[in-house]
Amino acid sequence: MSQLKELMQRYDRLLRQSIGDHAAVLQLVSEFRKSTLDLKNSPREINEELSSMINKMDKKRLDLLLIAASANPSPEYVENLCALLEMQDQTLPNEQIVDLLYVIRSPKAVPYLEKARLLKLPHDEYDEFAVKCLDALAVIDTTEGWAAVQAAAASSSPRIKEHAKELLGWRKLG
């Protein structure tokens, strides 16, 4: 069994035991994140686990994987992160996936971020998820990404429209 799998199993068990104790959960998540920094071959192992999530979803494991991936960002993850976004599953941690794509900044993510921007999440009445997608498209800084931001400037959502115009204004200043 890989070091990552062992670590995930151990922290999954500890987190389950700490349900209801917010401070303990935060401490465990912090410890898990730090522990993933010490793993050898962590991007490869993380990517293999992300790939397995596409075929057999385990949302608790996915949460831990995304924490590990955020501690060890790598372009290796882009294909699998985009496949997760493409599922258009409102119950997945889509915000964390977009956060990772923001950090990784791969042009391969542009069409997936553009499509994900249209996903309506039930808890997101202020379109913050779409704003995250626009931010990721802007930092990727490709012609296609900016075209998606430009298209969002015509959105019927005032928040999305305003943010897209703001990003386009910053681009002109840069």
N, C-alpha and C. Protein backbone atom coordinates (compact mmCIF):
# COMPACT_ATOMS: atom_id res chain seq x y z
N MET A 1 0.85 -1.18 0.00
CA MET A 1 0.00 0.00 0.00
C MET A 1 0.90 1.24 0.00
N SER A 2 0.51 2.24 -0.78
CA SER A 2 1.32 3.46 -0.88
C SER A 2 1.28 4.25 0.42
N GLN A 3 2.29 5.09 0.59
CA GLN A 3 2.35 5.94 1.78
C GLN A 3 1.13 6.86 1.85
N LEU A 4 0.73 7.37 0.69
CA LEU A 4 -0.43 8.27 0.66
C LEU A 4 -1.69 7.55 1.10
N LYS A 5 -1.91 6.34 0.60
CA LYS A 5 -3.11 5.59 0.99
C LYS A 5 -3.12 5.32 2.49
N GLU A 6 -1.97 4.93 3.01
CA GLU A 6 -1.88 4.67 4.46
C GLU A 6 -2.19 5.94 5.26
N LEU A 7 -1.61 7.04 4.82
CA LEU A 7 -1.84 8.32 5.50
C LEU A 7 -3.32 8.70 5.43
N MET A 8 -3.93 8.53 4.28
CA MET A 8 -5.35 8.87 4.11
C MET A 8 -6.23 7.99 4.98
N GLN A 9 -5.92 6.71 5.05
CA GLN A 9 -6.72 5.81 5.89
C GLN A 9 -6.61 6.21 7.37
N ARG A 10 -5.39 6.53 7.78
CA ARG A 10 -5.18 6.89 9.19
C ARG A 10 -5.95 8.18 9.52
N TYR A 11 -5.82 9.19 8.67
CA TYR A 11 -6.50 10.46 8.96
C TYR A 11 -8.00 10.37 8.77
N ASP A 12 -8.46 9.54 7.87
CA ASP A 12 -9.90 9.34 7.71
C ASP A 12 -10.47 8.78 9.02
N ARG A 13 -9.78 7.80 9.57
CA ARG A 13 -10.22 7.20 10.84
C ARG A 13 -10.20 8.24 11.96
N LEU A 14 -9.11 9.02 12.04
CA LEU A 14 -9.00 10.04 13.09
C LEU A 14 -10.07 11.13 12.93
N LEU A 15 -10.33 11.51 11.70
CA LEU A 15 -11.35 12.54 11.45
C LEU A 15 -12.74 12.04 11.83
N ARG A 16 -13.02 10.78 11.52
CA ARG A 16 -14.32 10.21 11.91
C ARG A 16 -14.49 10.20 13.43
N GLN A 17 -13.41 9.93 14.14
CA GLN A 17 -13.46 9.92 15.60
C GLN A 17 -13.64 11.32 16.18
N SER A 18 -13.29 12.34 15.40
CA SER A 18 -13.33 13.71 15.89
C SER A 18 -14.57 14.48 15.45
N ILE A 19 -15.51 13.81 14.82
CA ILE A 19 -16.73 14.49 14.37
C ILE A 19 -17.38 15.19 15.56
N GLY A 20 -17.73 16.45 15.37
CA GLY A 20 -18.35 17.24 16.43
C GLY A 20 -17.36 18.12 17.18
N ASP A 21 -16.07 17.83 17.04
CA ASP A 21 -15.04 18.63 17.70
C ASP A 21 -14.30 19.44 16.63
N HIS A 22 -14.82 20.62 16.36
CA HIS A 22 -14.33 21.45 15.26
C HIS A 22 -12.82 21.72 15.37
N ALA A 23 -12.36 22.06 16.55
CA ALA A 23 -10.94 22.37 16.74
C ALA A 23 -10.07 21.15 16.43
N ALA A 24 -10.52 19.97 16.85
CA ALA A 24 -9.75 18.75 16.59
C ALA A 24 -9.71 18.45 15.09
N VAL A 25 -10.83 18.66 14.41
CA VAL A 25 -10.87 18.42 12.97
C VAL A 25 -9.90 19.36 12.25
N LEU A 26 -9.92 20.64 12.61
CA LEU A 26 -9.01 21.60 11.99
C LEU A 26 -7.55 21.22 12.23
N GLN A 27 -7.26 20.77 13.45
CA GLN A 27 -5.89 20.36 13.77
C GLN A 27 -5.48 19.14 12.95
N LEU A 28 -6.38 18.17 12.83
CA LEU A 28 -6.07 16.97 12.04
C LEU A 28 -5.87 17.30 10.56
N VAL A 29 -6.69 18.16 10.02
CA VAL A 29 -6.54 18.55 8.61
C VAL A 29 -5.19 19.24 8.41
N SER A 30 -4.81 20.10 9.33
CA SER A 30 -3.51 20.77 9.26
C SER A 30 -2.37 19.76 9.32
N GLU A 31 -2.48 18.80 10.25
CA GLU A 31 -1.45 17.76 10.37
C GLU A 31 -1.37 16.91 9.11
N PHE A 32 -2.53 16.56 8.56
CA PHE A 32 -2.55 15.75 7.34
C PHE A 32 -1.85 16.50 6.21
N ARG A 33 -2.19 17.76 6.05
CA ARG A 33 -1.59 18.58 4.99
C ARG A 33 -0.06 18.60 5.13
N LYS A 34 0.42 18.83 6.34
CA LYS A 34 1.86 18.86 6.58
C LYS A 34 2.49 17.49 6.31
N SER A 35 1.79 16.43 6.68
CA SER A 35 2.32 15.08 6.47
C SER A 35 2.48 14.75 4.99
N THR A 36 1.61 15.29 4.16
CA THR A 36 1.71 14.99 2.72
C THR A 36 2.94 15.65 2.10
N LEU A 37 3.45 16.69 2.73
CA LEU A 37 4.64 17.35 2.20
C LEU A 37 5.88 16.46 2.29
N ASP A 38 5.84 15.52 3.23
CA ASP A 38 6.99 14.64 3.46
C ASP A 38 6.98 13.39 2.59
N LEU A 39 5.90 13.18 1.84
CA LEU A 39 5.80 11.96 1.05
C LEU A 39 6.68 12.02 -0.19
N LYS A 40 7.33 10.91 -0.48
CA LYS A 40 8.07 10.80 -1.74
C LYS A 40 7.07 10.41 -2.82
N ASN A 41 7.30 10.89 -4.02
CA ASN A 41 6.43 10.59 -5.17
C ASN A 41 4.98 11.03 -4.95
N SER A 42 4.77 12.03 -4.12
CA SER A 42 3.39 12.39 -3.81
C SER A 42 2.58 12.84 -5.03
N PRO A 43 3.10 13.65 -5.95
CA PRO A 43 2.25 14.00 -7.10
C PRO A 43 1.80 12.78 -7.91
N ARG A 44 2.69 11.84 -8.10
CA ARG A 44 2.32 10.63 -8.85
C ARG A 44 1.24 9.85 -8.10
N GLU A 45 1.44 9.66 -6.81
CA GLU A 45 0.45 8.92 -6.01
C GLU A 45 -0.89 9.66 -5.94
N ILE A 46 -0.83 10.97 -5.76
CA ILE A 46 -2.06 11.77 -5.71
C ILE A 46 -2.80 11.65 -7.02
N ASN A 47 -2.08 11.75 -8.12
CA ASN A 47 -2.71 11.66 -9.43
C ASN A 47 -3.34 10.29 -9.66
N GLU A 48 -2.67 9.24 -9.24
CA GLU A 48 -3.23 7.89 -9.37
C GLU A 48 -4.53 7.77 -8.56
N GLU A 49 -4.54 8.33 -7.38
CA GLU A 49 -5.75 8.29 -6.54
C GLU A 49 -6.86 9.14 -7.14
N LEU A 50 -6.51 10.31 -7.70
CA LEU A 50 -7.52 11.13 -8.37
C LEU A 50 -8.14 10.37 -9.54
N SER A 51 -7.31 9.67 -10.26
CA SER A 51 -7.79 8.88 -11.40
C SER A 51 -8.77 7.81 -10.94
N SER A 52 -8.48 7.19 -9.81
CA SER A 52 -9.38 6.15 -9.31
C SER A 52 -10.71 6.74 -8.86
N MET A 53 -10.71 8.01 -8.46
CA MET A 53 -11.94 8.68 -8.03
C MET A 53 -12.94 8.82 -9.18
N ILE A 54 -12.43 8.94 -10.37
CA ILE A 54 -13.30 9.14 -11.54
C ILE A 54 -14.15 7.90 -11.78
N ASN A 55 -13.59 6.75 -11.52
CA ASN A 55 -14.32 5.50 -11.74
C ASN A 55 -15.11 5.05 -10.53
N LYS A 56 -14.59 5.32 -9.34
CA LYS A 56 -15.26 4.89 -8.11
C LYS A 56 -15.14 6.01 -7.08
N MET A 57 -16.17 6.85 -7.02
CA MET A 57 -16.13 8.03 -6.17
C MET A 57 -16.25 7.67 -4.69
N ASP A 58 -15.37 8.27 -3.92
CA ASP A 58 -15.41 8.20 -2.46
C ASP A 58 -15.17 9.63 -2.00
N LYS A 59 -16.23 10.33 -1.67
CA LYS A 59 -16.15 11.77 -1.42
C LYS A 59 -15.30 12.12 -0.21
N LYS A 60 -15.27 11.27 0.79
CA LYS A 60 -14.41 11.54 1.95
C LYS A 60 -12.94 11.44 1.55
N ARG A 61 -12.61 10.42 0.76
CA ARG A 61 -11.24 10.28 0.27
C ARG A 61 -10.89 11.43 -0.66
N LEU A 62 -11.86 11.87 -1.47
CA LEU A 62 -11.59 12.97 -2.39
C LEU A 62 -11.23 14.23 -1.62
N ASP A 63 -11.92 14.50 -0.53
CA ASP A 63 -11.59 15.68 0.28
C ASP A 63 -10.13 15.62 0.75
N LEU A 64 -9.71 14.47 1.25
CA LEU A 64 -8.32 14.32 1.69
C LEU A 64 -7.35 14.43 0.52
N LEU A 65 -7.72 13.87 -0.61
CA LEU A 65 -6.86 13.94 -1.80
C LEU A 65 -6.66 15.39 -2.24
N LEU A 66 -7.73 16.15 -2.23
CA LEU A 66 -7.61 17.55 -2.65
C LEU A 66 -6.77 18.36 -1.66
N ILE A 67 -6.81 18.01 -0.40
CA ILE A 67 -5.93 18.65 0.58
C ILE A 67 -4.49 18.30 0.26
N ALA A 68 -4.23 17.02 -0.01
CA ALA A 68 -2.87 16.59 -0.37
C ALA A 68 -2.41 17.26 -1.66
N ALA A 69 -3.30 17.35 -2.64
CA ALA A 69 -2.96 17.97 -3.92
C ALA A 69 -2.67 19.46 -3.75
N SER A 70 -3.42 20.13 -2.89
CA SER A 70 -3.18 21.56 -2.69
C SER A 70 -1.84 21.80 -1.99
N ALA A 71 -1.41 20.85 -1.18
CA ALA A 71 -0.10 20.96 -0.53
C ALA A 71 1.03 20.61 -1.49
N ASN A 72 0.70 19.88 -2.55
CA ASN A 72 1.70 19.41 -3.52
C ASN A 72 1.19 19.66 -4.94
N PRO A 73 0.93 20.92 -5.33
CA PRO A 73 0.33 21.17 -6.64
C PRO A 73 1.23 20.69 -7.78
N SER A 74 0.59 20.12 -8.81
CA SER A 74 1.35 19.58 -9.94
C SER A 74 0.48 19.60 -11.19
N PRO A 75 1.09 19.91 -12.33
CA PRO A 75 0.35 19.83 -13.60
C PRO A 75 -0.12 18.41 -13.92
N GLU A 76 0.44 17.43 -13.26
CA GLU A 76 0.02 16.03 -13.46
C GLU A 76 -1.46 15.84 -13.18
N TYR A 77 -2.04 16.66 -12.32
CA TYR A 77 -3.42 16.47 -11.87
C TYR A 77 -4.47 17.02 -12.84
N VAL A 78 -4.05 17.85 -13.78
CA VAL A 78 -5.01 18.63 -14.57
C VAL A 78 -6.06 17.75 -15.24
N GLU A 79 -5.64 16.71 -15.91
CA GLU A 79 -6.60 15.85 -16.63
C GLU A 79 -7.66 15.29 -15.68
N ASN A 80 -7.23 14.80 -14.54
CA ASN A 80 -8.18 14.21 -13.59
C ASN A 80 -9.04 15.26 -12.90
N LEU A 81 -8.47 16.40 -12.58
CA LEU A 81 -9.28 17.48 -11.99
C LEU A 81 -10.35 17.95 -12.98
N CYS A 82 -9.97 18.06 -14.24
CA CYS A 82 -10.93 18.47 -15.26
C CYS A 82 -12.02 17.41 -15.45
N ALA A 83 -11.65 16.15 -15.38
CA ALA A 83 -12.65 15.07 -15.49
C ALA A 83 -13.64 15.15 -14.32
N LEU A 84 -13.16 15.49 -13.14
CA LEU A 84 -14.05 15.64 -11.99
C LEU A 84 -14.99 16.83 -12.19
N LEU A 85 -14.46 17.94 -12.68
CA LEU A 85 -15.31 19.10 -12.96
C LEU A 85 -16.36 18.78 -14.02
N GLU A 86 -15.94 18.01 -15.01
CA GLU A 86 -16.83 17.68 -16.13
C GLU A 86 -18.04 16.85 -15.68
N MET A 87 -17.92 16.20 -14.54
CA MET A 87 -19.05 15.42 -14.02
C MET A 87 -20.25 16.31 -13.69
N GLN A 88 -19.99 17.60 -13.47
CA GLN A 88 -21.06 18.56 -13.15
C GLN A 88 -21.89 18.08 -11.95
N ASP A 89 -21.21 17.47 -10.99
CA ASP A 89 -21.85 16.94 -9.79
C ASP A 89 -21.81 18.02 -8.70
N GLN A 90 -22.96 18.51 -8.32
CA GLN A 90 -23.04 19.58 -7.34
C GLN A 90 -22.57 19.17 -5.95
N THR A 91 -22.46 17.87 -5.71
CA THR A 91 -22.07 17.40 -4.38
C THR A 91 -20.55 17.24 -4.24
N LEU A 92 -19.82 17.40 -5.33
CA LEU A 92 -18.36 17.31 -5.26
C LEU A 92 -17.79 18.63 -4.76
N PRO A 93 -16.57 18.62 -4.24
CA PRO A 93 -15.94 19.87 -3.79
C PRO A 93 -15.39 20.66 -4.99
N ASN A 94 -16.31 21.10 -5.84
CA ASN A 94 -15.92 21.79 -7.07
C ASN A 94 -15.10 23.05 -6.80
N GLU A 95 -15.39 23.75 -5.71
CA GLU A 95 -14.64 24.96 -5.40
C GLU A 95 -13.16 24.64 -5.18
N GLN A 96 -12.88 23.56 -4.47
CA GLN A 96 -11.49 23.18 -4.22
C GLN A 96 -10.80 22.73 -5.51
N ILE A 97 -11.54 22.09 -6.38
CA ILE A 97 -10.98 21.68 -7.66
C ILE A 97 -10.59 22.91 -8.47
N VAL A 98 -11.46 23.90 -8.51
CA VAL A 98 -11.15 25.14 -9.24
C VAL A 98 -9.98 25.87 -8.57
N ASP A 99 -9.93 25.87 -7.25
CA ASP A 99 -8.79 26.48 -6.55
C ASP A 99 -7.47 25.86 -7.00
N LEU A 100 -7.46 24.55 -7.12
CA LEU A 100 -6.24 23.86 -7.57
C LEU A 100 -5.90 24.21 -9.01
N LEU A 101 -6.91 24.26 -9.87
CA LEU A 101 -6.66 24.63 -11.26
C LEU A 101 -6.16 26.07 -11.37
N TYR A 102 -6.61 26.91 -10.47
CA TYR A 102 -6.11 28.29 -10.40
C TYR A 102 -4.61 28.29 -10.12
N VAL A 103 -4.20 27.48 -9.16
CA VAL A 103 -2.78 27.43 -8.77
C VAL A 103 -1.94 26.79 -9.88
N ILE A 104 -2.44 25.75 -10.50
CA ILE A 104 -1.67 25.01 -11.51
C ILE A 104 -1.58 25.79 -12.82
N ARG A 105 -2.64 26.51 -13.18
CA ARG A 105 -2.65 27.41 -14.34
C ARG A 105 -2.37 26.72 -15.67
N SER A 106 -3.03 25.64 -15.92
CA SER A 106 -2.83 24.91 -17.18
C SER A 106 -3.85 25.34 -18.23
N PRO A 107 -3.39 25.68 -19.43
CA PRO A 107 -4.32 26.01 -20.51
C PRO A 107 -5.29 24.87 -20.84
N LYS A 108 -4.92 23.64 -20.51
CA LYS A 108 -5.81 22.50 -20.76
C LYS A 108 -7.10 22.60 -19.97
N ALA A 109 -7.10 23.36 -18.89
CA ALA A 109 -8.28 23.46 -18.02
C ALA A 109 -9.31 24.47 -18.53
N VAL A 110 -8.93 25.30 -19.49
CA VAL A 110 -9.81 26.40 -19.91
C VAL A 110 -11.22 25.94 -20.31
N PRO A 111 -11.38 24.96 -21.22
CA PRO A 111 -12.75 24.60 -21.59
C PRO A 111 -13.57 24.02 -20.43
N TYR A 112 -12.91 23.38 -19.51
CA TYR A 112 -13.60 22.78 -18.36
C TYR A 112 -14.03 23.88 -17.37
N LEU A 113 -13.17 24.86 -17.18
CA LEU A 113 -13.51 25.97 -16.31
C LEU A 113 -14.64 26.81 -16.92
N GLU A 114 -14.58 26.97 -18.23
CA GLU A 114 -15.64 27.73 -18.92
C GLU A 114 -16.99 27.04 -18.73
N LYS A 115 -17.01 25.72 -18.87
CA LYS A 115 -18.25 24.97 -18.69
C LYS A 115 -18.67 24.95 -17.21
N ALA A 116 -17.70 24.76 -16.32
CA ALA A 116 -17.99 24.70 -14.88
C ALA A 116 -18.58 26.02 -14.39
N ARG A 117 -18.19 27.12 -14.98
CA ARG A 117 -18.69 28.44 -14.57
C ARG A 117 -20.22 28.49 -14.64
N LEU A 118 -20.79 27.68 -15.50
CA LEU A 118 -22.24 27.68 -15.68
C LEU A 118 -22.97 26.80 -14.66
N LEU A 119 -22.21 26.01 -13.89
CA LEU A 119 -22.80 25.12 -12.90
C LEU A 119 -23.39 25.94 -11.76
N LYS A 120 -24.65 25.68 -11.47
CA LYS A 120 -25.31 26.36 -10.36
C LYS A 120 -25.27 25.47 -9.13
N LEU A 121 -24.58 25.92 -8.11
CA LEU A 121 -24.49 25.16 -6.87
C LEU A 121 -25.58 25.64 -5.93
N PRO A 122 -26.24 24.71 -5.25
CA PRO A 122 -27.40 25.09 -4.43
C PRO A 122 -27.08 26.06 -3.30
N HIS A 123 -25.87 26.03 -2.78
CA HIS A 123 -25.49 26.89 -1.66
C HIS A 123 -24.85 28.20 -2.11
N ASP A 124 -24.85 28.47 -3.42
CA ASP A 124 -24.10 29.59 -3.98
C ASP A 124 -25.02 30.63 -4.61
N GLU A 125 -25.77 31.30 -3.78
CA GLU A 125 -26.74 32.27 -4.31
C GLU A 125 -26.08 33.53 -4.84
N TYR A 126 -24.81 33.76 -4.54
CA TYR A 126 -24.11 34.96 -5.01
C TYR A 126 -23.12 34.68 -6.14
N ASP A 127 -23.20 33.50 -6.73
CA ASP A 127 -22.37 33.12 -7.89
C ASP A 127 -20.87 33.16 -7.59
N GLU A 128 -20.49 32.85 -6.37
CA GLU A 128 -19.06 32.85 -6.02
C GLU A 128 -18.28 31.76 -6.76
N PHE A 129 -18.93 30.64 -7.04
CA PHE A 129 -18.25 29.58 -7.78
C PHE A 129 -17.90 30.06 -9.19
N ALA A 130 -18.83 30.71 -9.84
CA ALA A 130 -18.58 31.25 -11.19
C ALA A 130 -17.45 32.28 -11.14
N VAL A 131 -17.42 33.08 -10.10
CA VAL A 131 -16.36 34.08 -9.94
C VAL A 131 -15.00 33.39 -9.81
N LYS A 132 -14.95 32.29 -9.04
CA LYS A 132 -13.71 31.52 -8.92
C LYS A 132 -13.26 31.00 -10.28
N CYS A 133 -14.21 30.50 -11.05
CA CYS A 133 -13.88 29.99 -12.39
C CYS A 133 -13.33 31.11 -13.27
N LEU A 134 -13.94 32.29 -13.19
CA LEU A 134 -13.45 33.43 -13.98
C LEU A 134 -12.04 33.82 -13.55
N ASP A 135 -11.79 33.83 -12.25
CA ASP A 135 -10.45 34.15 -11.76
C ASP A 135 -9.42 33.15 -12.29
N ALA A 136 -9.78 31.87 -12.29
CA ALA A 136 -8.87 30.84 -12.80
C ALA A 136 -8.63 31.04 -14.30
N LEU A 137 -9.69 31.33 -15.04
CA LEU A 137 -9.54 31.59 -16.47
C LEU A 137 -8.61 32.78 -16.72
N ALA A 138 -8.74 33.82 -15.90
CA ALA A 138 -7.90 35.01 -16.07
C ALA A 138 -6.43 34.73 -15.77
N VAL A 139 -6.14 33.99 -14.70
CA VAL A 139 -4.73 33.73 -14.38
C VAL A 139 -4.08 32.75 -15.34
N ILE A 140 -4.88 31.91 -15.98
CA ILE A 140 -4.31 31.02 -16.98
C ILE A 140 -3.83 31.85 -18.17
N ASP A 141 -4.52 32.96 -18.44
CA ASP A 141 -4.04 33.99 -19.36
C ASP A 141 -3.80 33.48 -20.79
N THR A 142 -4.82 32.83 -21.35
CA THR A 142 -4.76 32.43 -22.75
C THR A 142 -5.84 33.17 -23.51
N THR A 143 -5.72 33.19 -24.82
CA THR A 143 -6.75 33.82 -25.65
C THR A 143 -8.11 33.20 -25.39
N GLU A 144 -8.16 31.87 -25.28
CA GLU A 144 -9.42 31.17 -25.03
C GLU A 144 -9.98 31.51 -23.66
N GLY A 145 -9.11 31.60 -22.67
CA GLY A 145 -9.55 31.96 -21.32
C GLY A 145 -10.15 33.35 -21.28
N TRP A 146 -9.49 34.29 -21.94
CA TRP A 146 -10.01 35.66 -21.97
C TRP A 146 -11.30 35.75 -22.77
N ALA A 147 -11.43 34.92 -23.80
CA ALA A 147 -12.69 34.89 -24.56
C ALA A 147 -13.83 34.42 -23.65
N ALA A 148 -13.55 33.46 -22.79
CA ALA A 148 -14.57 32.98 -21.84
C ALA A 148 -14.93 34.08 -20.84
N VAL A 149 -13.94 34.84 -20.38
CA VAL A 149 -14.21 35.95 -19.47
C VAL A 149 -15.04 37.01 -20.20
N GLN A 150 -14.69 37.28 -21.45
CA GLN A 150 -15.45 38.25 -22.25
C GLN A 150 -16.90 37.80 -22.41
N ALA A 151 -17.11 36.53 -22.67
CA ALA A 151 -18.48 36.00 -22.80
C ALA A 151 -19.25 36.15 -21.49
N ALA A 152 -18.56 35.99 -20.38
CA ALA A 152 -19.21 36.11 -19.07
C ALA A 152 -19.64 37.54 -18.79
N ALA A 153 -19.02 38.50 -19.46
CA ALA A 153 -19.40 39.90 -19.28
C ALA A 153 -20.81 40.18 -19.78
N ALA A 154 -21.39 39.25 -20.53
CA ALA A 154 -22.77 39.38 -21.00
C ALA A 154 -23.73 38.52 -20.17
N SER A 155 -23.28 38.02 -19.04
CA SER A 155 -24.10 37.15 -18.19
C SER A 155 -25.32 37.90 -17.67
N SER A 156 -26.37 37.13 -17.42
CA SER A 156 -27.57 37.73 -16.81
C SER A 156 -27.39 37.94 -15.30
N SER A 157 -26.36 37.33 -14.73
CA SER A 157 -26.06 37.51 -13.31
C SER A 157 -25.26 38.80 -13.12
N PRO A 158 -25.78 39.74 -12.34
CA PRO A 158 -25.03 40.99 -12.12
C PRO A 158 -23.64 40.75 -11.52
N ARG A 159 -23.53 39.79 -10.61
CA ARG A 159 -22.23 39.50 -9.96
C ARG A 159 -21.22 38.98 -10.98
N ILE A 160 -21.63 38.06 -11.82
CA ILE A 160 -20.72 37.49 -12.83
C ILE A 160 -20.34 38.56 -13.84
N LYS A 161 -21.33 39.30 -14.32
CA LYS A 161 -21.10 40.37 -15.30
C LYS A 161 -20.10 41.39 -14.76
N GLU A 162 -20.34 41.85 -13.53
CA GLU A 162 -19.47 42.85 -12.91
C GLU A 162 -18.04 42.33 -12.76
N HIS A 163 -17.90 41.09 -12.29
CA HIS A 163 -16.56 40.54 -12.07
C HIS A 163 -15.83 40.33 -13.40
N ALA A 164 -16.53 39.87 -14.41
CA ALA A 164 -15.90 39.67 -15.72
C ALA A 164 -15.40 41.01 -16.26
N LYS A 165 -16.21 42.04 -16.14
CA LYS A 165 -15.80 43.38 -16.62
C LYS A 165 -14.61 43.90 -15.83
N GLU A 166 -14.61 43.63 -14.53
CA GLU A 166 -13.48 44.02 -13.69
C GLU A 166 -12.19 43.33 -14.14
N LEU A 167 -12.26 42.02 -14.39
CA LEU A 167 -11.09 41.28 -14.86
C LEU A 167 -10.61 41.81 -16.21
N LEU A 168 -11.54 42.09 -17.10
CA LEU A 168 -11.17 42.63 -18.41
C LEU A 168 -10.51 44.00 -18.27
N GLY A 169 -10.98 44.80 -17.32
CA GLY A 169 -10.35 46.10 -17.05
C GLY A 169 -8.93 45.95 -16.54
N TRP A 170 -8.70 44.98 -15.65
CA TRP A 170 -7.36 44.74 -15.13
C TRP A 170 -6.43 44.27 -16.24
N ARG A 171 -6.98 43.48 -17.16
CA ARG A 171 -6.17 42.99 -18.28
C ARG A 171 -5.66 44.16 -19.11
N LYS A 172 -6.53 45.14 -19.34
CA LYS A 172 -6.14 46.31 -20.14
C LYS A 172 -5.05 47.11 -19.44
N LEU A 173 -5.09 47.13 -18.10
CA LEU A 173 -4.08 47.87 -17.35
C LEU A 173 -2.73 47.16 -17.37
N GLY A 174 -2.79 45.82 -17.45
CA GLY A 174 -1.56 45.01 -17.41
C GLY A 174 -0.83 45.07 -18.67
